[in-house]
Full PDB file with SEQRES, HELIX, SHEET, SSBOND, CRYST1, ORIGX, SCALE, CONECT and MASTER records, all heavy atoms in Angstrom:
SEQRES   1 A   41  SER TYR PRO PRO SER HIS CYS THR GLY CYS GLY THR ARG          
SEQRES   2 A   41  ILE LYS PRO TYR ASP LEU LEU PRO VAL PHE SER TYR ILE          
SEQRES   3 A   41  LEU LEU LYS GLY LYS CYS ARG SER CYS GLY GLU LYS ILE          
SEQRES   4 A   41  SER LEU                                                      
HELIX    1 AA1 PRO A   16  ASP A   18  5                                   3    
HELIX    2 AA2 PHE A   23  LEU A   27  1                                   5    
CRYST1    1.000    1.000    1.000  90.00  90.00  90.00 P 1           1          
ORIGX1      1.000000  0.000000  0.000000        0.00000                         
ORIGX2      0.000000  1.000000  0.000000        0.00000                         
ORIGX3      0.000000  0.000000  1.000000        0.00000                         
SCALE1      1.000000  0.000000  0.000000        0.00000                         
SCALE2      0.000000  1.000000  0.000000        0.00000                         
SCALE3      0.000000  0.000000  1.000000        0.00000                         
ATOM      1  N   SER A   1     171.709  71.951  48.706  1.00  0.00           N  
ATOM      2  CA  SER A   1     171.531  70.499  48.785  1.00  0.00           C  
ATOM      3  C   SER A   1     170.972  70.025  50.124  1.00  0.00           C  
ATOM      4  O   SER A   1     170.397  68.938  50.212  1.00  0.00           O  
ATOM      5  CB  SER A   1     172.868  69.791  48.528  1.00  0.00           C  
ATOM      6  OG  SER A   1     173.845  70.214  49.460  1.00  0.00           O  
ATOM      7  N   TYR A   2     171.148  70.833  51.180  1.00  0.00           N  
ATOM      8  CA  TYR A   2     170.673  70.434  52.504  1.00  0.00           C  
ATOM      9  C   TYR A   2     170.181  71.655  53.255  1.00  0.00           C  
ATOM     10  O   TYR A   2     170.813  72.713  53.184  1.00  0.00           O  
ATOM     11  CB  TYR A   2     171.794  69.745  53.304  1.00  0.00           C  
ATOM     12  CG  TYR A   2     171.325  69.208  54.633  1.00  0.00           C  
ATOM     13  CD1 TYR A   2     170.731  67.941  54.711  1.00  0.00           C  
ATOM     14  CD2 TYR A   2     171.440  69.964  55.790  1.00  0.00           C  
ATOM     15  CE1 TYR A   2     170.274  67.449  55.919  1.00  0.00           C  
ATOM     16  CE2 TYR A   2     170.979  69.489  57.008  1.00  0.00           C  
ATOM     17  CZ  TYR A   2     170.402  68.225  57.058  1.00  0.00           C  
ATOM     18  OH  TYR A   2     169.944  67.734  58.263  1.00  0.00           O  
ATOM     19  N   PRO A   3     169.062  71.569  53.971  1.00  0.00           N  
ATOM     20  CA  PRO A   3     168.200  70.399  54.131  1.00  0.00           C  
ATOM     21  C   PRO A   3     167.380  70.120  52.872  1.00  0.00           C  
ATOM     22  O   PRO A   3     167.304  70.974  51.981  1.00  0.00           O  
ATOM     23  CB  PRO A   3     167.303  70.802  55.298  1.00  0.00           C  
ATOM     24  CG  PRO A   3     167.214  72.290  55.195  1.00  0.00           C  
ATOM     25  CD  PRO A   3     168.565  72.735  54.728  1.00  0.00           C  
ATOM     26  N   PRO A   4     166.753  68.930  52.808  1.00  0.00           N  
ATOM     27  CA  PRO A   4     165.918  68.614  51.644  1.00  0.00           C  
ATOM     28  C   PRO A   4     164.767  69.607  51.514  1.00  0.00           C  
ATOM     29  O   PRO A   4     164.459  70.362  52.440  1.00  0.00           O  
ATOM     30  CB  PRO A   4     165.397  67.203  51.970  1.00  0.00           C  
ATOM     31  CG  PRO A   4     166.377  66.649  52.958  1.00  0.00           C  
ATOM     32  CD  PRO A   4     166.837  67.823  53.775  1.00  0.00           C  
ATOM     33  N   SER A   5     164.129  69.594  50.363  1.00  0.00           N  
ATOM     34  CA  SER A   5     163.039  70.536  50.090  1.00  0.00           C  
ATOM     35  C   SER A   5     161.954  70.439  51.161  1.00  0.00           C  
ATOM     36  O   SER A   5     161.537  69.346  51.556  1.00  0.00           O  
ATOM     37  CB  SER A   5     162.432  70.252  48.719  1.00  0.00           C  
ATOM     38  OG  SER A   5     163.386  70.473  47.703  1.00  0.00           O  
ATOM     39  N   HIS A   6     161.507  71.605  51.627  1.00  0.00           N  
ATOM     40  CA  HIS A   6     160.504  71.649  52.684  1.00  0.00           C  
ATOM     41  C   HIS A   6     159.620  72.872  52.487  1.00  0.00           C  
ATOM     42  O   HIS A   6     159.983  73.831  51.796  1.00  0.00           O  
ATOM     43  CB  HIS A   6     161.176  71.707  54.059  1.00  0.00           C  
ATOM     44  CG  HIS A   6     162.107  72.873  54.212  1.00  0.00           C  
ATOM     45  ND1 HIS A   6     163.400  72.852  53.740  1.00  0.00           N  
ATOM     46  CD2 HIS A   6     161.925  74.115  54.757  1.00  0.00           C  
ATOM     47  CE1 HIS A   6     163.995  74.013  53.994  1.00  0.00           C  
ATOM     48  NE2 HIS A   6     163.116  74.796  54.604  1.00  0.00           N  
ATOM     49  N   CYS A   7     158.454  72.833  53.101  1.00  0.00           N  
ATOM     50  CA  CYS A   7     157.525  73.961  53.026  1.00  0.00           C  
ATOM     51  C   CYS A   7     158.081  75.119  53.844  1.00  0.00           C  
ATOM     52  O   CYS A   7     158.465  74.944  55.004  1.00  0.00           O  
ATOM     53  CB  CYS A   7     156.151  73.536  53.553  1.00  0.00           C  
ATOM     54  SG  CYS A   7     154.962  74.905  53.662  1.00  0.00           S  
ATOM     55  N   THR A   8     158.113  76.292  53.263  1.00  0.00           N  
ATOM     56  CA  THR A   8     158.625  77.459  53.977  1.00  0.00           C  
ATOM     57  C   THR A   8     157.639  77.950  55.035  1.00  0.00           C  
ATOM     58  O   THR A   8     158.002  78.740  55.901  1.00  0.00           O  
ATOM     59  CB  THR A   8     158.912  78.606  52.993  1.00  0.00           C  
ATOM     60  OG1 THR A   8     157.718  78.891  52.243  1.00  0.00           O  
ATOM     61  CG2 THR A   8     160.024  78.217  52.028  1.00  0.00           C  
ATOM     62  N   GLY A   9     156.393  77.460  54.967  1.00  0.00           N  
ATOM     63  CA  GLY A   9     155.389  77.858  55.941  1.00  0.00           C  
ATOM     64  C   GLY A   9     155.421  77.014  57.200  1.00  0.00           C  
ATOM     65  O   GLY A   9     155.619  77.523  58.304  1.00  0.00           O  
ATOM     66  N   CYS A  10     155.242  75.703  57.033  1.00  0.00           N  
ATOM     67  CA  CYS A  10     155.172  74.807  58.193  1.00  0.00           C  
ATOM     68  C   CYS A  10     156.464  74.031  58.434  1.00  0.00           C  
ATOM     69  O   CYS A  10     156.620  73.385  59.466  1.00  0.00           O  
ATOM     70  CB  CYS A  10     154.011  73.829  58.039  1.00  0.00           C  
ATOM     71  SG  CYS A  10     154.162  72.710  56.623  1.00  0.00           S  
ATOM     72  N   GLY A  11     157.392  74.067  57.458  1.00  0.00           N  
ATOM     73  CA  GLY A  11     158.667  73.376  57.628  1.00  0.00           C  
ATOM     74  C   GLY A  11     158.623  71.893  57.343  1.00  0.00           C  
ATOM     75  O   GLY A  11     159.642  71.196  57.478  1.00  0.00           O  
ATOM     76  N   THR A  12     157.481  71.363  56.934  1.00  0.00           N  
ATOM     77  CA  THR A  12     157.347  69.937  56.657  1.00  0.00           C  
ATOM     78  C   THR A  12     158.153  69.548  55.422  1.00  0.00           C  
ATOM     79  O   THR A  12     158.111  70.240  54.409  1.00  0.00           O  
ATOM     80  CB  THR A  12     155.868  69.567  56.426  1.00  0.00           C  
ATOM     81  OG1 THR A  12     155.111  69.926  57.582  1.00  0.00           O  
ATOM     82  CG2 THR A  12     155.715  68.075  56.156  1.00  0.00           C  
ATOM     83  N   ARG A  13     158.888  68.448  55.552  1.00  0.00           N  
ATOM     84  CA  ARG A  13     159.669  67.965  54.406  1.00  0.00           C  
ATOM     85  C   ARG A  13     158.727  67.511  53.305  1.00  0.00           C  
ATOM     86  O   ARG A  13     157.759  66.785  53.541  1.00  0.00           O  
ATOM     87  CB  ARG A  13     160.577  66.809  54.833  1.00  0.00           C  
ATOM     88  CG  ARG A  13     161.422  66.257  53.698  1.00  0.00           C  
ATOM     89  CD  ARG A  13     162.404  65.226  54.203  1.00  0.00           C  
ATOM     90  NE  ARG A  13     163.133  64.611  53.099  1.00  0.00           N  
ATOM     91  CZ  ARG A  13     164.114  63.713  53.262  1.00  0.00           C  
ATOM     92  NH1 ARG A  13     164.463  63.340  54.489  1.00  0.00           N  
ATOM     93  NH2 ARG A  13     164.722  63.208  52.210  1.00  0.00           N  
ATOM     94  N   ILE A  14     159.013  67.945  52.077  1.00  0.00           N  
ATOM     95  CA  ILE A  14     158.154  67.618  50.943  1.00  0.00           C  
ATOM     96  C   ILE A  14     158.481  66.220  50.446  1.00  0.00           C  
ATOM     97  O   ILE A  14     159.638  65.882  50.211  1.00  0.00           O  
ATOM     98  CB  ILE A  14     158.334  68.649  49.812  1.00  0.00           C  
ATOM     99  CG1 ILE A  14     158.008  70.054  50.328  1.00  0.00           C  
ATOM    100  CG2 ILE A  14     157.437  68.311  48.628  1.00  0.00           C  
ATOM    101  CD1 ILE A  14     158.260  71.154  49.319  1.00  0.00           C  
ATOM    102  N   LYS A  15     157.461  65.405  50.305  1.00  0.00           N  
ATOM    103  CA  LYS A  15     157.637  64.028  49.851  1.00  0.00           C  
ATOM    104  C   LYS A  15     158.064  64.004  48.376  1.00  0.00           C  
ATOM    105  O   LYS A  15     157.708  64.893  47.599  1.00  0.00           O  
ATOM    106  CB  LYS A  15     156.334  63.249  50.012  1.00  0.00           C  
ATOM    107  CG  LYS A  15     155.792  63.227  51.439  1.00  0.00           C  
ATOM    108  CD  LYS A  15     156.745  62.531  52.390  1.00  0.00           C  
ATOM    109  CE  LYS A  15     156.157  62.477  53.805  1.00  0.00           C  
ATOM    110  NZ  LYS A  15     157.101  61.856  54.768  1.00  0.00           N  
ATOM    111  N   PRO A  16     158.806  62.966  47.993  1.00  0.00           N  
ATOM    112  CA  PRO A  16     159.275  62.878  46.594  1.00  0.00           C  
ATOM    113  C   PRO A  16     158.147  62.958  45.570  1.00  0.00           C  
ATOM    114  O   PRO A  16     158.324  63.554  44.502  1.00  0.00           O  
ATOM    115  CB  PRO A  16     159.969  61.508  46.558  1.00  0.00           C  
ATOM    116  CG  PRO A  16     160.433  61.286  47.965  1.00  0.00           C  
ATOM    117  CD  PRO A  16     159.365  61.890  48.829  1.00  0.00           C  
ATOM    118  N   TYR A  17     156.987  62.372  45.886  1.00  0.00           N  
ATOM    119  CA  TYR A  17     155.891  62.405  44.910  1.00  0.00           C  
ATOM    120  C   TYR A  17     155.254  63.785  44.793  1.00  0.00           C  
ATOM    121  O   TYR A  17     154.428  64.025  43.913  1.00  0.00           O  
ATOM    122  CB  TYR A  17     154.826  61.350  45.253  1.00  0.00           C  
ATOM    123  CG  TYR A  17     154.343  61.354  46.682  1.00  0.00           C  
ATOM    124  CD1 TYR A  17     153.439  62.321  47.140  1.00  0.00           C  
ATOM    125  CD2 TYR A  17     154.785  60.385  47.577  1.00  0.00           C  
ATOM    126  CE1 TYR A  17     152.996  62.325  48.447  1.00  0.00           C  
ATOM    127  CE2 TYR A  17     154.358  60.377  48.898  1.00  0.00           C  
ATOM    128  CZ  TYR A  17     153.460  61.350  49.327  1.00  0.00           C  
ATOM    129  OH  TYR A  17     153.030  61.339  50.638  1.00  0.00           O  
ATOM    130  N   ASP A  18     155.607  64.690  45.693  1.00  0.00           N  
ATOM    131  CA  ASP A  18     155.127  66.072  45.587  1.00  0.00           C  
ATOM    132  C   ASP A  18     156.179  66.997  44.988  1.00  0.00           C  
ATOM    133  O   ASP A  18     156.020  68.220  45.003  1.00  0.00           O  
ATOM    134  CB  ASP A  18     154.721  66.600  46.968  1.00  0.00           C  
ATOM    135  CG  ASP A  18     153.392  66.038  47.437  1.00  0.00           C  
ATOM    136  OD1 ASP A  18     152.588  65.643  46.577  1.00  0.00           O  
ATOM    137  OD2 ASP A  18     153.159  65.996  48.667  1.00  0.00           O  
ATOM    138  N   LEU A  19     157.259  66.414  44.485  1.00  0.00           N  
ATOM    139  CA  LEU A  19     158.336  67.204  43.904  1.00  0.00           C  
ATOM    140  C   LEU A  19     158.397  67.075  42.382  1.00  0.00           C  
ATOM    141  O   LEU A  19     159.360  67.515  41.767  1.00  0.00           O  
ATOM    142  CB  LEU A  19     159.685  66.784  44.506  1.00  0.00           C  
ATOM    143  CG  LEU A  19     159.923  67.191  45.966  1.00  0.00           C  
ATOM    144  CD1 LEU A  19     161.212  66.575  46.493  1.00  0.00           C  
ATOM    145  CD2 LEU A  19     159.976  68.702  46.106  1.00  0.00           C  
ATOM    146  N   LEU A  20     157.384  66.469  41.798  1.00  0.00           N  
ATOM    147  CA  LEU A  20     157.358  66.340  40.346  1.00  0.00           C  
ATOM    148  C   LEU A  20     157.178  67.724  39.723  1.00  0.00           C  
ATOM    149  O   LEU A  20     156.214  68.429  40.059  1.00  0.00           O  
ATOM    150  CB  LEU A  20     156.226  65.412  39.899  1.00  0.00           C  
ATOM    151  CG  LEU A  20     156.331  63.951  40.338  1.00  0.00           C  
ATOM    152  CD1 LEU A  20     155.066  63.199  39.952  1.00  0.00           C  
ATOM    153  CD2 LEU A  20     157.554  63.302  39.720  1.00  0.00           C  
ATOM    154  N   PRO A  21     158.084  68.137  38.849  1.00  0.00           N  
ATOM    155  CA  PRO A  21     157.971  69.479  38.262  1.00  0.00           C  
ATOM    156  C   PRO A  21     156.622  69.689  37.585  1.00  0.00           C  
ATOM    157  O   PRO A  21     156.133  68.820  36.864  1.00  0.00           O  
ATOM    158  CB  PRO A  21     159.117  69.508  37.236  1.00  0.00           C  
ATOM    159  CG  PRO A  21     160.085  68.495  37.729  1.00  0.00           C  
ATOM    160  CD  PRO A  21     159.259  67.406  38.354  1.00  0.00           C  
ATOM    161  N   VAL A  22     156.015  70.811  37.810  1.00  0.00           N  
ATOM    162  CA  VAL A  22     154.754  71.263  37.219  1.00  0.00           C  
ATOM    163  C   VAL A  22     153.568  70.394  37.657  1.00  0.00           C  
ATOM    164  O   VAL A  22     152.568  70.900  38.180  1.00  0.00           O  
ATOM    165  CB  VAL A  22     154.819  71.299  35.671  1.00  0.00           C  
ATOM    166  CG1 VAL A  22     153.487  71.789  35.088  1.00  0.00           C  
ATOM    167  CG2 VAL A  22     155.968  72.197  35.215  1.00  0.00           C  
ATOM    168  N   PHE A  23     153.676  69.078  37.493  1.00  0.00           N  
ATOM    169  CA  PHE A  23     152.548  68.189  37.758  1.00  0.00           C  
ATOM    170  C   PHE A  23     152.140  68.222  39.228  1.00  0.00           C  
ATOM    171  O   PHE A  23     150.945  68.217  39.539  1.00  0.00           O  
ATOM    172  CB  PHE A  23     152.877  66.761  37.324  1.00  0.00           C  
ATOM    173  CG  PHE A  23     153.121  66.621  35.853  1.00  0.00           C  
ATOM    174  CD1 PHE A  23     154.401  66.500  35.350  1.00  0.00           C  
ATOM    175  CD2 PHE A  23     152.055  66.644  34.957  1.00  0.00           C  
ATOM    176  CE1 PHE A  23     154.631  66.387  33.991  1.00  0.00           C  
ATOM    177  CE2 PHE A  23     152.265  66.531  33.594  1.00  0.00           C  
ATOM    178  CZ  PHE A  23     153.558  66.411  33.112  1.00  0.00           C  
ATOM    179  N   SER A  24     153.122  68.239  40.125  1.00  0.00           N  
ATOM    180  CA  SER A  24     152.795  68.291  41.552  1.00  0.00           C  
ATOM    181  C   SER A  24     152.061  69.582  41.890  1.00  0.00           C  
ATOM    182  O   SER A  24     151.124  69.583  42.700  1.00  0.00           O  
ATOM    183  CB  SER A  24     154.066  68.168  42.396  1.00  0.00           C  
ATOM    184  OG  SER A  24     154.606  66.867  42.305  1.00  0.00           O  
ATOM    185  N   TYR A  25     152.476  70.678  41.269  1.00  0.00           N  
ATOM    186  CA  TYR A  25     151.803  71.962  41.513  1.00  0.00           C  
ATOM    187  C   TYR A  25     150.332  71.871  41.096  1.00  0.00           C  
ATOM    188  O   TYR A  25     149.444  72.351  41.809  1.00  0.00           O  
ATOM    189  CB  TYR A  25     152.506  73.071  40.744  1.00  0.00           C  
ATOM    190  CG  TYR A  25     151.907  74.439  40.968  1.00  0.00           C  
ATOM    191  CD1 TYR A  25     152.350  75.240  42.016  1.00  0.00           C  
ATOM    192  CD2 TYR A  25     150.898  74.925  40.137  1.00  0.00           C  
ATOM    193  CE1 TYR A  25     151.802  76.502  42.237  1.00  0.00           C  
ATOM    194  CE2 TYR A  25     150.341  76.179  40.356  1.00  0.00           C  
ATOM    195  CZ  TYR A  25     150.804  76.962  41.398  1.00  0.00           C  
ATOM    196  OH  TYR A  25     150.243  78.199  41.612  1.00  0.00           O  
ATOM    197  N   ILE A  26     150.091  71.252  39.956  1.00  0.00           N  
ATOM    198  CA  ILE A  26     148.716  71.115  39.459  1.00  0.00           C  
ATOM    199  C   ILE A  26     147.908  70.199  40.371  1.00  0.00           C  
ATOM    200  O   ILE A  26     146.770  70.522  40.756  1.00  0.00           O  
ATOM    201  CB  ILE A  26     148.722  70.575  38.012  1.00  0.00           C  
ATOM    202  CG1 ILE A  26     149.398  71.578  37.080  1.00  0.00           C  
ATOM    203  CG2 ILE A  26     147.295  70.283  37.544  1.00  0.00           C  
ATOM    204  CD1 ILE A  26     149.598  71.061  35.666  1.00  0.00           C  
ATOM    205  N   LEU A  27     148.485  69.053  40.749  1.00  0.00           N  
ATOM    206  CA  LEU A  27     147.764  68.091  41.587  1.00  0.00           C  
ATOM    207  C   LEU A  27     147.475  68.647  42.978  1.00  0.00           C  
ATOM    208  O   LEU A  27     146.432  68.360  43.568  1.00  0.00           O  
ATOM    209  CB  LEU A  27     148.578  66.793  41.697  1.00  0.00           C  
ATOM    210  CG  LEU A  27     148.742  65.998  40.394  1.00  0.00           C  
ATOM    211  CD1 LEU A  27     149.670  64.808  40.606  1.00  0.00           C  
ATOM    212  CD2 LEU A  27     147.378  65.512  39.897  1.00  0.00           C  
ATOM    213  N   LEU A  28     148.398  69.456  43.494  1.00  0.00           N  
ATOM    214  CA  LEU A  28     148.211  70.039  44.820  1.00  0.00           C  
ATOM    215  C   LEU A  28     147.403  71.339  44.773  1.00  0.00           C  
ATOM    216  O   LEU A  28     147.171  71.958  45.807  1.00  0.00           O  
ATOM    217  CB  LEU A  28     149.574  70.321  45.469  1.00  0.00           C  
ATOM    218  CG  LEU A  28     150.418  69.094  45.837  1.00  0.00           C  
ATOM    219  CD1 LEU A  28     151.825  69.514  46.253  1.00  0.00           C  
ATOM    220  CD2 LEU A  28     149.740  68.320  46.955  1.00  0.00           C  
ATOM    221  N   LYS A  29     147.029  71.738  43.558  1.00  0.00           N  
ATOM    222  CA  LYS A  29     146.272  72.977  43.348  1.00  0.00           C  
ATOM    223  C   LYS A  29     147.006  74.193  43.921  1.00  0.00           C  
ATOM    224  O   LYS A  29     146.395  75.123  44.446  1.00  0.00           O  
ATOM    225  CB  LYS A  29     144.877  72.856  43.969  1.00  0.00           C  
ATOM    226  CG  LYS A  29     144.039  71.753  43.332  1.00  0.00           C  
ATOM    227  CD  LYS A  29     142.669  71.658  43.975  1.00  0.00           C  
ATOM    228  CE  LYS A  29     141.850  70.541  43.325  1.00  0.00           C  
ATOM    229  NZ  LYS A  29     140.505  70.414  43.952  1.00  0.00           N  
ATOM    230  N   GLY A  30     148.346  74.138  43.813  1.00  0.00           N  
ATOM    231  CA  GLY A  30     149.152  75.278  44.228  1.00  0.00           C  
ATOM    232  C   GLY A  30     149.211  75.508  45.717  1.00  0.00           C  
ATOM    233  O   GLY A  30     149.470  76.638  46.153  1.00  0.00           O  
ATOM    234  N   LYS A  31     149.005  74.441  46.522  1.00  0.00           N  
ATOM    235  CA  LYS A  31     149.029  74.588  47.978  1.00  0.00           C  
ATOM    236  C   LYS A  31     149.852  73.471  48.615  1.00  0.00           C  
ATOM    237  O   LYS A  31     149.943  72.371  48.072  1.00  0.00           O  
ATOM    238  CB  LYS A  31     147.609  74.569  48.536  1.00  0.00           C  
ATOM    239  CG  LYS A  31     146.734  75.720  48.068  1.00  0.00           C  
ATOM    240  CD  LYS A  31     145.346  75.639  48.672  1.00  0.00           C  
ATOM    241  CE  LYS A  31     144.476  76.798  48.198  1.00  0.00           C  
ATOM    242  NZ  LYS A  31     143.102  76.719  48.770  1.00  0.00           N  
ATOM    243  N   CYS A  32     150.426  73.754  49.774  1.00  0.00           N  
ATOM    244  CA  CYS A  32     151.169  72.753  50.530  1.00  0.00           C  
ATOM    245  C   CYS A  32     150.213  71.658  51.009  1.00  0.00           C  
ATOM    246  O   CYS A  32     149.127  71.953  51.521  1.00  0.00           O  
ATOM    247  CB  CYS A  32     151.873  73.406  51.722  1.00  0.00           C  
ATOM    248  SG  CYS A  32     152.623  72.240  52.883  1.00  0.00           S  
ATOM    249  N   ARG A  33     150.608  70.405  50.864  1.00  0.00           N  
ATOM    250  CA  ARG A  33     149.758  69.291  51.283  1.00  0.00           C  
ATOM    251  C   ARG A  33     149.527  69.307  52.799  1.00  0.00           C  
ATOM    252  O   ARG A  33     148.465  68.893  53.287  1.00  0.00           O  
ATOM    253  CB  ARG A  33     150.400  67.961  50.874  1.00  0.00           C  
ATOM    254  CG  ARG A  33     149.536  66.738  51.140  1.00  0.00           C  
ATOM    255  CD  ARG A  33     150.294  65.467  50.789  1.00  0.00           C  
ATOM    256  NE  ARG A  33     150.547  65.359  49.370  1.00  0.00           N  
ATOM    257  CZ  ARG A  33     149.685  64.855  48.492  1.00  0.00           C  
ATOM    258  NH1 ARG A  33     148.493  64.420  48.907  1.00  0.00           N  
ATOM    259  NH2 ARG A  33     150.002  64.775  47.213  1.00  0.00           N  
ATOM    260  N   SER A  34     150.516  69.785  53.552  1.00  0.00           N  
ATOM    261  CA  SER A  34     150.435  69.719  55.017  1.00  0.00           C  
ATOM    262  C   SER A  34     149.672  70.882  55.636  1.00  0.00           C  
ATOM    263  O   SER A  34     148.775  70.686  56.457  1.00  0.00           O  
ATOM    264  CB  SER A  34     151.840  69.655  55.620  1.00  0.00           C  
ATOM    265  OG  SER A  34     152.532  68.502  55.173  1.00  0.00           O  
ATOM    266  N   CYS A  35     150.033  72.108  55.248  1.00  0.00           N  
ATOM    267  CA  CYS A  35     149.441  73.269  55.915  1.00  0.00           C  
ATOM    268  C   CYS A  35     148.517  74.094  55.021  1.00  0.00           C  
ATOM    269  O   CYS A  35     147.827  74.995  55.496  1.00  0.00           O  
ATOM    270  CB  CYS A  35     150.542  74.171  56.474  1.00  0.00           C  
ATOM    271  SG  CYS A  35     151.559  74.977  55.195  1.00  0.00           S  
ATOM    272  N   GLY A  36     148.522  73.801  53.728  1.00  0.00           N  
ATOM    273  CA  GLY A  36     147.640  74.522  52.824  1.00  0.00           C  
ATOM    274  C   GLY A  36     148.143  75.879  52.389  1.00  0.00           C  
ATOM    275  O   GLY A  36     147.427  76.620  51.712  1.00  0.00           O  
ATOM    276  N   GLU A  37     149.398  76.214  52.751  1.00  0.00           N  
ATOM    277  CA  GLU A  37     149.945  77.508  52.333  1.00  0.00           C  
ATOM    278  C   GLU A  37     150.116  77.545  50.812  1.00  0.00           C  
ATOM    279  O   GLU A  37     150.520  76.559  50.195  1.00  0.00           O  
ATOM    280  CB  GLU A  37     151.283  77.772  53.014  1.00  0.00           C  
ATOM    281  CG  GLU A  37     151.898  79.090  52.597  1.00  0.00           C  
ATOM    282  CD  GLU A  37     153.066  79.503  53.483  1.00  0.00           C  
ATOM    283  OE1 GLU A  37     153.003  79.271  54.687  1.00  0.00           O  
ATOM    284  OE2 GLU A  37     154.039  80.052  52.934  1.00  0.00           O  
ATOM    285  N   LYS A  38     149.830  78.701  50.240  1.00  0.00           N  
ATOM    286  CA  LYS A  38     149.886  78.838  48.790  1.00  0.00           C  
ATOM    287  C   LYS A  38     151.319  78.727  48.281  1.00  0.00           C  
ATOM    288  O   LYS A  38     152.245  79.297  48.862  1.00  0.00           O  
ATOM    289  CB  LYS A  38     149.295  80.179  48.381  1.00  0.00           C  
ATOM    290  CG  LYS A  38     149.142  80.357  46.883  1.00  0.00           C  
ATOM    291  CD  LYS A  38     148.458  81.671  46.552  1.00  0.00           C  
ATOM    292  CE  LYS A  38     148.307  81.854  45.051  1.00  0.00           C  
ATOM    293  NZ  LYS A  38     147.645  83.147  44.707  1.00  0.00           N  
ATOM    294  N   ILE A  39     151.495  77.979  47.218  1.00  0.00           N  
ATOM    295  CA  ILE A  39     152.796  77.831  46.569  1.00  0.00           C  
ATOM    296  C   ILE A  39     152.854  78.814  45.408  1.00  0.00           C  
ATOM    297  O   ILE A  39     151.920  78.901  44.605  1.00  0.00           O  
ATOM    298  CB  ILE A  39     153.002  76.393  46.051  1.00  0.00           C  
ATOM    299  CG1 ILE A  39     152.885  75.387  47.195  1.00  0.00           C  
ATOM    300  CG2 ILE A  39     154.350  76.249  45.360  1.00  0.00           C  
ATOM    301  CD1 ILE A  39     152.864  73.941  46.748  1.00  0.00           C  
ATOM    302  N   SER A  40     153.941  79.558  45.317  1.00  0.00           N  
ATOM    303  CA  SER A  40     154.062  80.581  44.281  1.00  0.00           C  
ATOM    304  C   SER A  40     154.012  79.953  42.886  1.00  0.00           C  
ATOM    305  O   SER A  40     154.595  78.886  42.634  1.00  0.00           O  
ATOM    306  CB  SER A  40     155.378  81.337  44.458  1.00  0.00           C  
ATOM    307  OG  SER A  40     155.586  82.222  43.376  1.00  0.00           O  
ATOM    308  N   LEU A  41     153.294  80.629  41.999  1.00  0.00           N  
ATOM    309  CA  LEU A  41     153.214  80.192  40.601  1.00  0.00           C  
ATOM    310  C   LEU A  41     154.579  80.286  39.922  1.00  0.00           C  
ATOM    311  O   LEU A  41     154.801  79.679  38.866  1.00  0.00           O  
ATOM    312  CB  LEU A  41     152.189  81.053  39.856  1.00  0.00           C  
ATOM    313  CG  LEU A  41     151.871  80.690  38.411  1.00  0.00           C  
ATOM    314  CD1 LEU A  41     151.285  79.292  38.307  1.00  0.00           C  
ATOM    315  CD2 LEU A  41     150.901  81.723  37.808  1.00  0.00           C  
TER     316      LEU A  41                                                      
MASTER        0    0    0    2    0    0    0    6  315    1    0    4          
END                                                                             
């Protein structure tokens, strides 16, 4: 439950609109919005 969801690469806290199941992955093209690190499928 803590800390809130964050990128394991850059540590940036993930915004609520990037936490939508499946859809956020598609919109972000499988990459972190902040650092561009690939998000596992």
